Amino acid sequence: MEKDAVKLTRQIAATMAMENMALSESEYDVLLRCAAGEQSITLTIQEMIARYTEH
């Protein structure tokens, strides 16, 4: 894993935590894969929409 991707993911997670919106481990992993270029942003957005709109 690239150090830049890990650093960016940690910064985003810290920002989210400061806003009282801590990321779950699975959300952190998805964000890390996206930052590292292992998963497309489009796919990530689609997964998040599906996850949070399921009933």
C-alpha atoms as a PDB file:
ATOM      1  CA  MET A   1       0.000   0.000   0.000  1.00  0.00           C
ATOM      2  CA  GLU A   2       1.331   3.427  -0.884  1.00  0.00           C
ATOM      3  CA  LYS A   3       2.254   5.677   2.012  1.00  0.00           C
ATOM      4  CA  ASP A   4       0.398   8.581   0.392  1.00  0.00           C
ATOM      5  CA  ALA A   5      -2.844   6.581   0.258  1.00  0.00           C
ATOM      6  CA  VAL A   6      -2.516   5.606   3.922  1.00  0.00           C
ATOM      7  CA  LYS A   7      -1.715   9.189   4.933  1.00  0.00           C
ATOM      8  CA  LEU A   8      -4.676  10.580   2.967  1.00  0.00           C
ATOM      9  CA  THR A   9      -7.033   7.978   4.417  1.00  0.00           C
ATOM     10  CA  ARG A  10      -5.886   8.743   7.962  1.00  0.00           C
ATOM     11  CA  GLN A  11      -6.385  12.466   7.380  1.00  0.00           C
ATOM     12  CA  ILE A  12      -9.909  11.915   6.060  1.00  0.00           C
ATOM     13  CA  ALA A  13     -10.744   9.596   8.964  1.00  0.00           C
ATOM     14  CA  ALA A  14      -9.453  12.194  11.440  1.00  0.00           C
ATOM     15  CA  THR A  15     -11.504  14.940   9.824  1.00  0.00           C
ATOM     16  CA  MET A  16     -14.612  12.773   9.905  1.00  0.00           C
ATOM     17  CA  ALA A  17     -13.985  11.925  13.582  1.00  0.00           C
ATOM     18  CA  MET A  18     -13.663  15.637  14.443  1.00  0.00           C
ATOM     19  CA  GLU A  19     -17.126  16.096  12.929  1.00  0.00           C
ATOM     20  CA  ASN A  20     -18.417  13.259  15.154  1.00  0.00           C
ATOM     21  CA  MET A  21     -18.734  10.980  12.133  1.00  0.00           C
ATOM     22  CA  ALA A  22     -16.204   8.245  12.859  1.00  0.00           C
ATOM     23  CA  LEU A  23     -15.678   5.729  10.067  1.00  0.00           C
ATOM     24  CA  SER A  24     -16.293   2.063  10.668  1.00  0.00           C
ATOM     25  CA  GLU A  25     -13.485  -0.347   9.861  1.00  0.00           C
ATOM     26  CA  SER A  26     -15.205  -1.416   6.634  1.00  0.00           C
ATOM     27  CA  GLU A  27     -15.719   2.216   5.565  1.00  0.00           C
ATOM     28  CA  TYR A  28     -12.066   2.939   6.304  1.00  0.00           C
ATOM     29  CA  ASP A  29     -11.012  -0.069   4.201  1.00  0.00           C
ATOM     30  CA  VAL A  30     -13.142   1.058   1.246  1.00  0.00           C
ATOM     31  CA  LEU A  31     -11.693   4.561   1.483  1.00  0.00           C
ATOM     32  CA  LEU A  32      -8.159   3.176   1.640  1.00  0.00           C
ATOM     33  CA  ARG A  33      -8.704   0.989  -1.440  1.00  0.00           C
ATOM     34  CA  CYS A  34     -10.107   3.982  -3.294  1.00  0.00           C
ATOM     35  CA  ALA A  35      -7.200   6.238  -2.273  1.00  0.00           C
ATOM     36  CA  ALA A  36      -4.719   3.576  -3.372  1.00  0.00           C
ATOM     37  CA  GLY A  37      -6.378   3.265  -6.775  1.00  0.00           C
ATOM     38  CA  GLU A  38      -7.487  -0.310  -6.143  1.00  0.00           C
ATOM     39  CA  GLN A  39     -11.167   0.578  -6.469  1.00  0.00           C
ATOM     40  CA  SER A  40     -12.785   3.239  -8.640  1.00  0.00           C
ATOM     41  CA  ILE A  41     -14.495   6.219  -7.110  1.00  0.00           C
ATOM     42  CA  THR A  42     -17.623   5.453  -9.119  1.00  0.00           C
ATOM     43  CA  LEU A  43     -17.828   1.923  -7.731  1.00  0.00           C
ATOM     44  CA  THR A  44     -17.205   3.220  -4.220  1.00  0.00           C
ATOM     45  CA  ILE A  45     -20.042   5.748  -4.518  1.00  0.00           C
ATOM     46  CA  GLN A  46     -22.396   3.087  -5.876  1.00  0.00           C
ATOM     47  CA  GLU A  47     -21.551   0.757  -2.967  1.00  0.00           C
ATOM     48  CA  MET A  48     -22.127   3.499  -0.383  1.00  0.00           C
ATOM     49  CA  ILE A  49     -25.462   4.501  -1.914  1.00  0.00           C
ATOM     50  CA  ALA A  50     -26.590   0.861  -1.948  1.00  0.00           C
ATOM     51  CA  ARG A  51     -25.446   0.308   1.641  1.00  0.00           C
ATOM     52  CA  TYR A  52     -27.152   3.347   3.102  1.00  0.00           C
ATOM     53  CA  THR A  53     -30.379   3.223   1.102  1.00  0.00           C
ATOM     54  CA  GLU A  54     -31.233  -0.454   1.671  1.00  0.00           C
ATOM     55  CA  HIS A  55     -34.374  -1.075   3.676  1.00  0.00           C
END
